[in-house]
């Protein structure tokens, strides 16, 4: 878990040069922000499909029960990595990494919103099932 979080610096450094690093970058952004990203997803599902609101809240609580310690440790590791980067790189470079991470977090949200518009409640059902059961990529390793 923490080793993957420290890949953030490497992933961000090569992102402009290697397109294969995109998956690694998205994974790093997800892991560094998993609590807020999953909460936003639950809110989207609850807003678009009010009948799913109780299930969505319960699914998020189940995910938190399994992942809250790992999520906090990963968020902390990401922040430490950025602080370490700040001591070795210029503030502008670190600010650029933070901006890119924030932009990618917004993109993850936007992509999920589009998916919900296209697939309807089935997109939420699949995502909520992953939160409930720990299957798929949403649980932190």
Protein backbone atom coordinates (compact mmCIF):
# COMPACT_ATOMS: atom_id res chain seq x y z
CA UNK A 1 0.00 0.00 0.00
CA UNK A 2 2.53 2.63 1.07
CA UNK A 3 5.02 1.52 -1.57
CA UNK A 4 2.42 2.21 -4.25
CA UNK A 5 1.72 5.61 -2.76
CA UNK A 6 5.36 6.56 -3.00
CA UNK A 7 5.21 5.77 -6.72
CA UNK A 8 3.26 9.03 -7.00
CA UNK A 9 6.41 11.09 -7.44
CA UNK A 10 7.76 8.77 -10.10
CA UNK A 11 4.42 8.55 -11.88
CA UNK A 12 4.04 12.31 -11.97
CA UNK A 13 7.60 12.81 -13.14
CA UNK A 14 7.18 10.56 -16.18
CA UNK A 15 3.56 11.38 -16.98
CA UNK A 16 4.41 13.73 -19.81
CA UNK A 17 6.75 11.22 -21.43
CA UNK A 18 5.14 7.79 -21.17
CA UNK A 19 1.47 7.30 -21.97
CA UNK A 20 1.51 3.89 -20.28
CA UNK A 21 1.97 5.69 -16.99
CA UNK A 22 -1.60 7.05 -17.16
CA UNK A 23 -3.05 4.03 -15.37
CA UNK A 24 -0.42 4.33 -12.66
CA UNK A 25 -1.18 8.03 -12.27
CA UNK A 26 -4.94 7.46 -11.99
CA UNK A 27 -4.32 4.66 -9.47
CA UNK A 28 -2.06 6.95 -7.42
CA UNK A 29 -4.62 9.77 -7.49
CA UNK A 30 -7.37 7.32 -6.46
CA UNK A 31 -5.33 5.85 -3.63
CA UNK A 32 -4.28 9.29 -2.38
CA UNK A 33 -7.93 10.44 -2.38
CA UNK A 34 -9.96 7.24 -2.07
CA UNK A 35 -12.21 8.42 0.75
CA UNK A 36 -13.28 11.61 -1.01
CA UNK A 37 -13.53 9.98 -4.46
CA UNK A 38 -15.76 7.19 -3.15
CA UNK A 39 -17.86 9.66 -1.18
CA UNK A 40 -18.38 11.76 -4.32
CA UNK A 41 -19.39 8.64 -6.25
CA UNK A 42 -21.91 7.74 -3.54
CA UNK A 43 -23.29 11.28 -3.63
CA UNK A 44 -23.67 11.14 -7.42
CA UNK A 45 -25.57 7.86 -7.18
CA UNK A 46 -27.76 9.15 -4.32
CA UNK A 47 -28.60 12.33 -6.22
CA UNK A 48 -29.29 10.67 -9.57
CA UNK A 49 -31.16 7.71 -8.06
CA UNK A 50 -32.69 8.68 -4.70
CA UNK A 51 -33.92 5.11 -4.16
CA UNK A 52 -30.24 4.09 -3.95
CA UNK A 53 -29.38 6.69 -1.28
CA UNK A 54 -29.66 4.37 1.74
CA UNK A 55 -27.80 1.57 -0.01
CA UNK A 56 -25.11 4.02 -1.16
CA UNK A 57 -24.58 5.37 2.36
CA UNK A 58 -24.42 1.82 3.75
CA UNK A 59 -21.99 0.74 1.01
CA UNK A 60 -19.69 3.66 1.78
CA UNK A 61 -19.77 2.79 5.51
CA UNK A 62 -18.87 -0.84 4.65
CA UNK A 63 -15.98 0.35 2.50
CA UNK A 64 -14.78 2.66 5.29
CA UNK A 65 -14.93 -0.20 7.80
CA UNK A 66 -12.53 -2.21 5.64
CA UNK A 67 -10.39 0.65 4.35
CA UNK A 68 -10.34 3.66 6.68
CA UNK A 69 -6.97 2.80 8.26
CA UNK A 70 -5.37 2.03 4.89
CA UNK A 71 -6.90 5.14 3.32
CA UNK A 72 -5.56 7.40 6.07
CA UNK A 73 -2.10 5.82 5.85
CA UNK A 74 -2.07 6.15 2.07
CA UNK A 75 -3.21 9.78 2.18
CA UNK A 76 -0.46 10.46 4.72
CA UNK A 77 2.16 8.70 2.56
CA UNK A 78 1.09 10.77 -0.45
CA UNK A 79 1.40 13.97 1.54
CA UNK A 80 4.83 12.91 2.83
CA UNK A 81 5.91 12.16 -0.74
CA UNK A 82 4.83 15.63 -1.84
CA UNK A 83 6.62 17.22 1.13
CA UNK A 84 9.78 15.29 0.26
CA UNK A 85 9.43 16.41 -3.34
CA UNK A 86 9.08 20.00 -2.11
CA UNK A 87 12.48 19.79 -0.44
CA UNK A 88 14.18 18.52 -3.58
CA UNK A 89 12.21 20.37 -6.29
CA UNK A 90 10.94 23.89 -6.67
CA UNK A 91 7.64 24.94 -5.12
CA UNK A 92 6.30 25.55 -8.62
CA UNK A 93 6.91 21.91 -9.56
CA UNK A 94 5.20 20.64 -6.40
CA UNK A 95 2.27 23.01 -6.96
CA UNK A 96 2.03 21.70 -10.53
CA UNK A 97 1.85 18.12 -9.22
CA UNK A 98 -0.88 19.09 -6.73
CA UNK A 99 -2.82 20.83 -9.51
CA UNK A 100 -2.48 17.82 -11.80
CA UNK A 101 -3.69 15.52 -9.01
CA UNK A 102 -6.67 17.79 -8.35
CA UNK A 103 -7.47 17.96 -12.07
CA UNK A 104 -7.34 14.17 -12.34
CA UNK A 105 -9.58 13.81 -9.30
CA UNK A 106 -12.11 16.09 -11.05
CA UNK A 107 -11.72 14.01 -14.21
CA UNK A 108 -12.43 10.80 -12.28
CA UNK A 109 -15.62 12.40 -10.93
CA UNK A 110 -16.64 13.69 -14.36
CA UNK A 111 -16.01 10.29 -15.98
CA UNK A 112 -18.21 8.63 -13.38
CA UNK A 113 -20.96 11.20 -13.96
CA UNK A 114 -20.84 10.49 -17.69
CA UNK A 115 -20.88 6.75 -17.02
CA UNK A 116 -23.98 7.17 -14.85
CA UNK A 117 -25.67 9.22 -17.57
CA UNK A 118 -24.88 6.58 -20.20
CA UNK A 119 -25.40 3.38 -18.20
CA UNK A 120 -27.97 4.60 -15.71
CA UNK A 121 -28.48 2.89 -12.37
CA UNK A 122 -26.42 -0.13 -13.45
CA UNK A 123 -23.24 1.98 -13.19
CA UNK A 124 -24.13 2.81 -9.60
CA UNK A 125 -25.18 -0.75 -8.85
CA UNK A 126 -21.82 -2.10 -9.99
CA UNK A 127 -19.85 0.52 -8.06
CA UNK A 128 -21.92 0.11 -4.91
CA UNK A 129 -21.48 -3.65 -5.08
CA UNK A 130 -17.71 -3.14 -5.11
CA UNK A 131 -17.95 -0.86 -2.08
CA UNK A 132 -20.17 -3.37 -0.27
CA UNK A 133 -18.19 -6.51 -0.99
CA UNK A 134 -14.61 -5.37 -1.42
CA UNK A 135 -14.50 -6.82 -4.91
CA UNK A 136 -12.88 -4.89 -7.73
CA UNK A 137 -10.38 -2.08 -7.58
CA UNK A 138 -11.99 0.14 -4.96
CA UNK A 139 -10.58 -1.62 -1.91
CA UNK A 140 -7.07 -0.56 -0.99
CA UNK A 141 -4.43 -3.27 -0.93
